[in-house]
Protein backbone atom coordinates (compact mmCIF):
# COMPACT_ATOMS: atom_id res chain seq x y z
CA MET A 1 9.69 -32.64 -12.41
CA ASN A 2 7.44 -30.30 -10.46
CA TYR A 3 9.67 -27.58 -9.00
CA ARG A 4 6.81 -26.21 -6.95
CA ILE A 5 7.60 -28.93 -4.44
CA PHE A 6 9.94 -27.54 -1.86
CA ARG A 7 13.01 -29.56 -0.90
CA PRO A 8 12.64 -31.48 2.38
CA LEU A 9 16.02 -30.29 3.60
CA ILE A 10 14.85 -26.72 3.41
CA LEU A 11 11.63 -27.53 5.23
CA ALA A 12 13.68 -29.05 8.03
CA VAL A 13 15.70 -25.86 8.24
CA LEU A 14 12.53 -23.81 8.38
CA LEU A 15 11.34 -25.72 11.43
CA LEU A 16 14.38 -24.36 13.24
CA PHE A 17 13.85 -20.76 12.23
CA ILE A 18 10.26 -19.91 11.32
CA GLY A 19 8.38 -18.70 14.33
CA ALA A 20 11.53 -18.00 16.33
CA LYS A 21 12.42 -15.19 13.96
CA GLY A 22 10.35 -11.98 14.05
CA TRP A 23 9.83 -10.05 10.85
CA ALA A 24 10.93 -6.42 10.63
CA GLN A 25 8.30 -3.73 10.75
CA SER A 26 7.57 -1.90 7.51
CA GLY A 27 9.21 1.49 7.22
CA THR A 28 12.47 0.45 8.86
CA ALA A 29 15.74 0.49 6.95
CA ALA A 30 16.35 -2.80 5.18
CA LYS A 31 19.12 -4.97 6.62
CA GLY A 32 19.56 -6.90 3.41
CA ASN A 33 21.24 -6.34 0.05
CA LEU A 34 20.10 -6.10 -3.53
CA PHE A 35 22.27 -7.85 -6.10
CA ILE A 36 21.02 -6.65 -9.48
CA VAL A 37 22.53 -8.28 -12.58
CA GLY A 38 22.20 -6.81 -16.06
CA GLY A 39 21.51 -10.18 -17.68
CA GLY A 40 23.50 -12.33 -20.08
CA LEU A 41 25.80 -15.13 -19.06
CA ARG A 42 26.91 -15.00 -15.43
CA SER A 43 30.58 -15.67 -14.81
CA ALA A 44 31.57 -17.97 -11.97
CA GLU A 45 33.27 -14.97 -10.35
CA LEU A 46 30.04 -12.95 -10.37
CA VAL A 47 28.10 -15.82 -8.79
CA GLN A 48 30.79 -16.21 -6.14
CA THR A 49 30.45 -12.50 -5.37
CA LEU A 50 26.70 -13.03 -5.00
CA ILE A 51 27.23 -15.86 -2.52
CA LYS A 52 29.74 -13.77 -0.57
CA THR A 53 27.33 -10.82 -0.50
CA ALA A 54 24.55 -13.03 0.88
CA GLY A 55 26.79 -14.15 3.76
CA LEU A 56 25.27 -17.62 3.90
CA LYS A 57 25.82 -19.56 7.09
CA GLU A 58 25.68 -23.34 7.44
CA LYS A 59 21.92 -23.67 7.87
CA ASP A 60 20.88 -20.84 5.54
CA TYR A 61 19.17 -21.65 2.26
CA MET A 62 18.41 -20.05 -1.10
CA ILE A 63 15.14 -19.69 -3.01
CA VAL A 64 14.81 -19.24 -6.77
CA LEU A 65 11.70 -17.50 -8.12
CA PRO A 66 11.37 -18.40 -11.84
CA MET A 67 8.01 -16.73 -12.59
CA SER A 68 9.53 -14.33 -15.16
CA SER A 69 10.51 -17.23 -17.36
CA GLY A 70 8.40 -18.96 -19.98
CA GLU A 71 10.41 -22.09 -19.12
CA PRO A 72 10.64 -21.94 -15.31
CA GLU A 73 12.06 -25.44 -14.88
CA ALA A 74 14.96 -24.80 -17.26
CA SER A 75 15.50 -21.37 -15.73
CA PHE A 76 15.73 -22.88 -12.26
CA LYS A 77 18.13 -25.58 -13.40
CA SER A 78 20.45 -23.01 -14.96
CA ILE A 79 20.86 -20.78 -11.92
CA SER A 80 20.74 -23.73 -9.50
CA LYS A 81 23.75 -25.28 -11.23
CA GLN A 82 25.75 -22.09 -10.79
CA LEU A 83 24.69 -21.53 -7.19
CA SER A 84 25.47 -25.15 -6.29
CA ALA A 85 28.96 -24.78 -7.75
CA ALA A 86 29.59 -21.77 -5.51
CA SER A 87 27.86 -22.90 -2.30
CA VAL A 88 26.87 -26.07 -0.44
CA ASN A 89 23.74 -24.45 0.97
CA ALA A 90 20.34 -25.84 0.07
CA ILE A 91 18.48 -24.40 -2.93
CA GLY A 92 14.72 -24.47 -3.41
CA CYS A 93 12.41 -23.31 -6.19
CA LEU A 94 9.03 -21.70 -5.64
CA ASN A 95 7.18 -21.22 -8.91
CA PHE A 96 4.23 -19.24 -7.57
CA ASP A 97 1.02 -18.85 -9.56
CA ALA A 98 -2.53 -17.76 -8.79
CA SER A 99 -3.24 -21.06 -7.03
CA THR A 100 -0.26 -20.84 -4.66
CA VAL A 101 0.30 -17.16 -3.81
CA ASN A 102 -1.52 -17.70 -0.51
CA ASN A 103 0.20 -20.98 0.39
CA GLN A 104 1.45 -20.22 3.89
CA GLN A 105 4.13 -22.91 3.91
CA TRP A 106 5.62 -21.52 0.72
CA LEU A 107 5.39 -17.95 2.01
CA ASP A 108 7.12 -18.86 5.27
CA SER A 109 9.84 -20.57 3.27
CA LEU A 110 10.30 -17.46 1.15
CA LYS A 111 10.44 -15.17 4.20
CA GLY A 112 13.14 -17.30 5.78
CA ALA A 113 15.47 -17.47 2.76
CA LYS A 114 18.88 -15.85 3.08
CA LEU A 115 19.19 -15.45 -0.70
CA ILE A 116 16.27 -14.94 -3.08
CA PHE A 117 17.03 -15.07 -6.81
CA ILE A 118 14.57 -13.77 -9.44
CA THR A 119 15.33 -15.19 -12.86
CA GLY A 120 15.21 -13.53 -16.25
CA GLY A 121 12.41 -13.66 -18.80
CA ASP A 122 9.56 -11.14 -18.84
CA GLN A 123 9.27 -8.68 -15.95
CA ASN A 124 5.58 -8.16 -16.70
CA ARG A 125 4.95 -11.90 -16.30
CA PHE A 126 6.62 -11.86 -12.88
CA MET A 127 4.69 -8.87 -11.58
CA LYS A 128 1.34 -10.24 -12.79
CA VAL A 129 1.90 -13.17 -10.44
CA VAL A 130 3.35 -11.24 -7.50
CA LEU A 131 1.80 -7.76 -7.35
CA HIS A 132 -0.81 -7.23 -4.59
CA THR A 133 -0.23 -10.71 -3.18
CA PRO A 134 1.43 -12.06 -0.01
CA VAL A 135 4.44 -13.03 -2.17
CA TYR A 136 5.26 -9.34 -2.70
CA LYS A 137 5.11 -8.76 1.05
CA ALA A 138 7.18 -11.87 1.82
CA ILE A 139 10.01 -10.71 -0.46
CA HIS A 140 10.04 -7.33 1.26
CA GLN A 141 10.02 -8.94 4.69
CA ALA A 142 12.98 -11.16 3.81
CA TYR A 143 14.89 -8.13 2.50
CA GLN A 144 14.06 -6.08 5.59
CA ASN A 145 15.38 -8.85 7.80
CA GLY A 146 18.73 -9.30 6.07
CA ALA A 147 18.20 -11.43 2.98
CA THR A 148 19.96 -10.66 -0.27
CA VAL A 149 17.43 -10.28 -3.08
CA ALA A 150 19.05 -10.87 -6.45
CA GLY A 151 17.73 -10.73 -9.98
CA THR A 152 18.97 -10.85 -13.53
CA SER A 153 17.57 -9.24 -16.70
CA ALA A 154 13.79 -9.17 -16.06
CA GLY A 155 14.66 -9.95 -12.45
CA ALA A 156 16.67 -6.72 -12.44
CA ALA A 157 13.90 -4.61 -13.95
CA VAL A 158 11.39 -5.66 -11.26
CA MET A 159 13.52 -4.15 -8.48
CA SER A 160 12.33 -0.61 -9.31
CA LYS A 161 9.12 0.95 -8.04
CA TYR A 162 8.53 2.28 -11.56
CA MET A 163 9.42 -0.68 -13.75
CA ILE A 164 10.34 -0.23 -17.41
CA THR A 165 8.19 -2.65 -19.41
CA GLY A 166 10.22 -2.23 -22.59
CA GLU A 167 7.28 -0.87 -24.57
CA GLN A 168 7.04 2.51 -26.32
CA LEU A 169 3.75 4.40 -26.10
CA LEU A 170 4.06 6.73 -29.11
CA GLY A 171 4.54 6.27 -32.84
CA ASP A 172 5.59 2.77 -33.90
CA THR A 173 4.94 0.76 -30.75
CA THR A 174 6.40 -2.48 -32.11
CA TYR A 175 8.82 -3.84 -29.49
CA HIS A 176 12.49 -3.07 -30.12
CA ALA A 177 15.50 -3.80 -27.92
CA THR A 178 16.03 -0.06 -27.55
CA PHE A 179 14.10 3.13 -28.38
CA ASP A 180 14.56 4.91 -31.71
CA LYS A 181 13.28 8.28 -30.49
CA LEU A 182 13.49 10.66 -27.51
CA TRP A 183 9.90 11.78 -27.07
CA ASP A 184 8.20 13.06 -23.96
CA GLY A 185 5.73 10.51 -22.58
CA ASN A 186 7.04 7.63 -24.69
CA VAL A 187 8.25 5.18 -22.04
CA GLU A 188 5.80 2.78 -20.42
CA PHE A 189 6.09 1.93 -16.73
CA GLU A 190 4.27 -0.58 -14.59
CA GLU A 191 4.48 -1.06 -10.85
CA GLY A 192 7.51 -3.12 -9.84
CA MET A 193 8.68 -4.54 -6.53
CA GLY A 194 9.74 -1.15 -5.17
CA LEU A 195 12.82 -2.56 -3.46
CA VAL A 196 14.51 0.60 -4.73
CA GLU A 197 12.01 3.44 -4.74
CA THR A 198 13.86 6.33 -6.42
CA VAL A 199 15.92 4.28 -8.87
CA ILE A 200 14.98 3.00 -12.31
CA ILE A 201 16.91 -0.02 -13.55
CA ASP A 202 17.58 -0.99 -17.15
CA GLN A 203 19.44 -4.15 -18.16
CA HIS A 204 21.54 -5.57 -21.04
CA PHE A 205 22.51 -1.93 -21.23
CA MET A 206 25.68 -1.54 -23.30
CA LYS A 207 25.02 -4.77 -25.21
CA ARG A 208 21.68 -3.45 -26.51
CA SER A 209 22.53 0.28 -26.53
CA ARG A 210 19.59 1.31 -24.38
CA TYR A 211 20.61 4.95 -23.89
CA ASN A 212 17.44 6.36 -25.46
CA ARG A 213 15.30 4.17 -23.24
CA LEU A 214 17.05 5.26 -20.05
CA LEU A 215 17.01 8.93 -21.10
CA SER A 216 13.27 8.58 -21.65
CA ALA A 217 12.95 7.16 -18.14
CA LEU A 218 14.93 10.07 -16.70
CA ASN A 219 12.65 12.50 -18.52
CA ALA A 220 9.67 10.83 -16.84
CA HIS A 221 11.32 10.81 -13.39
CA PRO A 222 13.97 13.56 -13.33
CA ASP A 223 14.51 13.28 -9.55
CA PHE A 224 15.54 9.61 -9.81
CA ASP A 225 18.84 7.84 -10.34
CA CYS A 226 18.49 6.01 -13.66
CA ILE A 227 20.94 3.12 -13.85
CA GLY A 228 21.82 0.93 -16.84
CA ILE A 229 23.60 -2.35 -16.06
CA ASP A 230 25.43 -4.31 -18.73
CA GLU A 231 25.55 -8.09 -19.03
CA ASP A 232 27.62 -10.18 -16.57
CA THR A 233 27.71 -7.08 -14.36
CA ALA A 234 25.87 -6.21 -11.17
CA ILE A 235 25.14 -3.39 -8.81
CA ILE A 236 25.11 -4.35 -5.14
CA ILE A 237 22.94 -2.03 -3.06
CA HIS A 238 23.08 -1.80 0.71
CA GLY A 239 21.28 1.20 2.08
CA LYS A 240 22.33 4.11 -0.12
CA THR A 241 25.67 2.61 -1.15
CA VAL A 242 26.05 1.01 -4.58
CA LYS A 243 29.04 -1.19 -5.46
CA ILE A 244 29.90 -2.55 -8.89
CA ALA A 245 30.88 -6.14 -9.67
CA GLY A 246 31.40 -8.01 -12.94
CA THR A 247 33.16 -7.80 -16.26
CA SER A 248 31.50 -4.82 -17.93
CA GLN A 249 30.09 -1.42 -16.97
CA VAL A 250 27.28 0.38 -15.18
CA LEU A 251 25.98 3.76 -16.34
CA ARG A 252 24.14 6.25 -14.17
CA ILE A 253 22.33 9.37 -15.34
CA ALA A 254 20.68 11.89 -13.01
CA ASP A 255 19.87 15.55 -12.37
CA PRO A 256 18.91 16.85 -15.82
CA VAL A 257 19.32 20.62 -16.25
CA ASN A 258 16.52 22.69 -17.78
CA LEU A 259 14.66 19.59 -18.91
CA LYS A 260 11.66 20.25 -21.14
CA ALA A 261 9.84 19.11 -24.26
CA ASP A 262 9.15 21.21 -27.31
CA LYS A 263 5.81 21.52 -29.14
CA ASN A 264 6.58 18.32 -31.04
CA HIS A 265 7.15 16.39 -27.79
CA LEU A 266 10.90 16.20 -28.40
CA ILE A 267 12.94 16.02 -25.18
CA LYS A 268 15.71 18.56 -24.61
CA MET A 269 17.96 19.60 -21.74
CA ASP A 270 21.11 21.61 -21.10
CA GLY A 271 22.99 18.83 -19.35
CA LEU A 272 22.88 16.00 -16.81
CA LYS A 273 25.13 13.97 -14.54
CA PHE A 274 26.56 11.12 -16.58
CA SER A 275 28.75 8.51 -14.89
CA ILE A 276 30.19 5.15 -15.96
CA TYR A 277 31.52 2.65 -13.42
CA THR A 278 33.40 -0.64 -13.51
CA GLN A 279 34.17 -3.41 -11.03
CA GLY A 280 35.20 -2.16 -7.60
CA ASP A 281 33.72 1.31 -8.04
CA GLN A 282 31.00 2.59 -5.77
CA PHE A 283 28.67 5.55 -5.46
CA LYS A 284 25.84 6.84 -3.30
CA LEU A 285 22.20 6.97 -4.29
CA LYS A 286 20.25 10.16 -3.70
């Protein structure tokens, strides 16, 4: 089945809304939400919280973007099954590639979605399709106008302006689930979606013990909030407020004290803000 084909029901909905709905101007505060999941299996409760956060009305619809995945059809089927169990609203899949990033019908459909879900896989694969294209702009426009933009695993990593690729730049650069060293200049970043500009997201956090990776990110961007999200757990961002949902934990590190590197490029500091949150907790971003 070709999931690039958009569902007719959604196209009918778009006829009611596209054109009558003006897009927000860039630079204004976003009206939407970010629902950022740390990966792993998603409980029914977490998906229900996502649907509630999106505030879907009768004629609203959802779009899945599976470009992170090496198996986009299977990825779409997986999340579509969960979303369908939690909501009767229509679900469409737009598997953009170089031949379709300028397809105006698809872009209008994306702009009009009330919930956009970015699947897991490889964050670099997603950004290679989206960066510097109208798809990037369409996601931002939807978010500005009140859509909830959600993502899991790789779909979580892309939310940041400075996106962790997972690669180390120094020493043994073979990919590992976490870093085995705390060296200055070791973490690789690429440009992400920038839906959160002064936050760096890491995923599968407790499950894969990614403390060294997040500390390396904080060293690179000491003025940022660096947030690690565990599996089946999400942060929900609206404006500067962050709420926690799910079965595990979220870690935030920020404000390192006397941060520096020695002559051997080893990171050191006198302290930092270190917080761990669970479901129902909330905090403010800088």
